[in-house]
C-alpha cells in the first residue's frame, strides 16, 4: 500500500506541482510582509521579531486564505 501511495499520489506530477506552487506562494507572501510589515496584523507583531511574527501569521492561514492574501497583496492568482 505504501509503495502505491508514493507512486500514485505523493510523487505524482500533479501533487508535486501543487506543493511547489504552495511553497512559492508562502515565500512570496513572507517577503512581501517583510517589506510591508504594517500589513501583518498588530496582534502578531506586538513584542515579536518581525520574521517570527510573519511566520506565525502565515502558519495560521488556511490554503484558501493564503491564496486570497497572495492575490490581494501580490496580484497573483
C-alpha atoms as a PDB file:
ATOM      1  CA  UNK A   1       0.000   0.000   0.000  1.00  0.00           C
ATOM      2  CA  UNK A   2       2.813   2.392   0.888  1.00  0.00           C
ATOM      3  CA  UNK A   3       4.510   1.933  -2.496  1.00  0.00           C
ATOM      4  CA  UNK A   4       1.272   2.542  -4.340  1.00  0.00           C
ATOM      5  CA  UNK A   5       0.565   5.734  -2.362  1.00  0.00           C
ATOM      6  CA  UNK A   6       4.024   7.105  -3.043  1.00  0.00           C
ATOM      7  CA  UNK A   7       3.942   6.210  -6.723  1.00  0.00           C
ATOM      8  CA  UNK A   8       0.371   7.228  -7.488  1.00  0.00           C
ATOM      9  CA  UNK A   9      -0.117  10.098  -5.055  1.00  0.00           C
ATOM     10  CA  UNK A  10       2.799  11.586  -3.102  1.00  0.00           C
ATOM     11  CA  UNK A  11       5.201  11.624  -6.042  1.00  0.00           C
ATOM     12  CA  UNK A  12       2.684  12.278  -8.788  1.00  0.00           C
ATOM     13  CA  UNK A  13       3.483  15.269 -11.017  1.00  0.00           C
ATOM     14  CA  UNK A  14       0.193  16.977 -10.148  1.00  0.00           C
ATOM     15  CA  UNK A  15       0.739  16.762  -6.390  1.00  0.00           C
ATOM     16  CA  UNK A  16       4.385  17.835  -6.670  1.00  0.00           C
ATOM     17  CA  UNK A  17       3.374  20.795  -8.833  1.00  0.00           C
ATOM     18  CA  UNK A  18       0.783  21.933  -6.295  1.00  0.00           C
ATOM     19  CA  UNK A  19       3.307  21.577  -3.461  1.00  0.00           C
ATOM     20  CA  UNK A  20       5.815  23.744  -5.339  1.00  0.00           C
ATOM     21  CA  UNK A  21       3.161  26.337  -6.065  1.00  0.00           C
ATOM     22  CA  UNK A  22       2.218  26.439  -2.381  1.00  0.00           C
ATOM     23  CA  UNK A  23       5.853  26.801  -1.295  1.00  0.00           C
ATOM     24  CA  UNK A  24       6.364  29.653  -3.737  1.00  0.00           C
ATOM     25  CA  UNK A  25       3.217  31.404  -2.536  1.00  0.00           C
ATOM     26  CA  UNK A  26       4.426  31.204   1.064  1.00  0.00           C
ATOM     27  CA  UNK A  27       7.896  32.526   0.175  1.00  0.00           C
ATOM     28  CA  UNK A  28       6.488  35.403  -1.882  1.00  0.00           C
ATOM     29  CA  UNK A  29       4.000  36.380   0.810  1.00  0.00           C
ATOM     30  CA  UNK A  30       6.684  36.169   3.516  1.00  0.00           C
ATOM     31  CA  UNK A  31       8.931  38.515   1.509  1.00  0.00           C
ATOM     32  CA  UNK A  32       6.007  40.867   0.870  1.00  0.00           C
ATOM     33  CA  UNK A  33       5.302  41.094   4.598  1.00  0.00           C
ATOM     34  CA  UNK A  34       8.992  41.716   5.335  1.00  0.00           C
ATOM     35  CA  UNK A  35       8.848  44.746   3.048  1.00  0.00           C
ATOM     36  CA  UNK A  36       5.381  45.776   4.286  1.00  0.00           C
ATOM     37  CA  UNK A  37       5.224  44.899   7.992  1.00  0.00           C
ATOM     38  CA  UNK A  38       2.182  47.109   8.516  1.00  0.00           C
ATOM     39  CA  UNK A  39       0.194  44.512   6.539  1.00  0.00           C
ATOM     40  CA  UNK A  40       0.781  41.934   9.285  1.00  0.00           C
ATOM     41  CA  UNK A  41      -1.954  42.248  11.930  1.00  0.00           C
ATOM     42  CA  UNK A  42      -0.750  44.077  15.049  1.00  0.00           C
ATOM     43  CA  UNK A  43      -1.605  41.147  17.328  1.00  0.00           C
ATOM     44  CA  UNK A  44       1.143  39.138  15.587  1.00  0.00           C
ATOM     45  CA  UNK A  45       3.683  41.981  15.555  1.00  0.00           C
ATOM     46  CA  UNK A  46       3.370  43.105  19.161  1.00  0.00           C
ATOM     47  CA  UNK A  47       6.526  42.136  21.030  1.00  0.00           C
ATOM     48  CA  UNK A  48       7.786  39.745  18.372  1.00  0.00           C
ATOM     49  CA  UNK A  49      10.709  39.786  15.989  1.00  0.00           C
ATOM     50  CA  UNK A  50       9.197  40.610  12.587  1.00  0.00           C
ATOM     51  CA  UNK A  51      10.276  37.344  10.952  1.00  0.00           C
ATOM     52  CA  UNK A  52       8.721  35.337  13.796  1.00  0.00           C
ATOM     53  CA  UNK A  53       5.511  37.367  13.610  1.00  0.00           C
ATOM     54  CA  UNK A  54       5.251  36.775   9.860  1.00  0.00           C
ATOM     55  CA  UNK A  55       5.970  33.065  10.260  1.00  0.00           C
ATOM     56  CA  UNK A  56       3.281  32.725  12.913  1.00  0.00           C
ATOM     57  CA  UNK A  57       0.756  34.666  10.844  1.00  0.00           C
ATOM     58  CA  UNK A  58       1.347  32.609   7.706  1.00  0.00           C
ATOM     59  CA  UNK A  59       1.410  29.330   9.675  1.00  0.00           C
ATOM     60  CA  UNK A  60      -2.128  30.016  10.889  1.00  0.00           C
ATOM     61  CA  UNK A  61      -3.514  30.554   7.386  1.00  0.00           C
ATOM     62  CA  UNK A  62      -5.711  28.056   5.604  1.00  0.00           C
ATOM     63  CA  UNK A  63      -4.835  27.267   1.992  1.00  0.00           C
ATOM     64  CA  UNK A  64      -7.793  29.319   0.824  1.00  0.00           C
ATOM     65  CA  UNK A  65      -6.821  32.351   2.923  1.00  0.00           C
ATOM     66  CA  UNK A  66      -3.196  32.065   1.768  1.00  0.00           C
ATOM     67  CA  UNK A  67      -4.381  32.183  -1.833  1.00  0.00           C
ATOM     68  CA  UNK A  68      -6.595  35.192  -1.209  1.00  0.00           C
ATOM     69  CA  UNK A  69      -3.757  37.039   0.577  1.00  0.00           C
ATOM     70  CA  UNK A  70      -1.352  36.330  -2.279  1.00  0.00           C
ATOM     71  CA  UNK A  71      -3.926  37.530  -4.788  1.00  0.00           C
ATOM     72  CA  UNK A  72      -4.839  40.633  -2.765  1.00  0.00           C
ATOM     73  CA  UNK A  73      -1.289  41.691  -1.912  1.00  0.00           C
ATOM     74  CA  UNK A  74       0.710  40.429  -4.873  1.00  0.00           C
ATOM     75  CA  UNK A  75      -1.900  40.375  -7.618  1.00  0.00           C
ATOM     76  CA  UNK A  76      -1.104  36.734  -8.372  1.00  0.00           C
ATOM     77  CA  UNK A  77      -3.784  34.068  -8.784  1.00  0.00           C
END
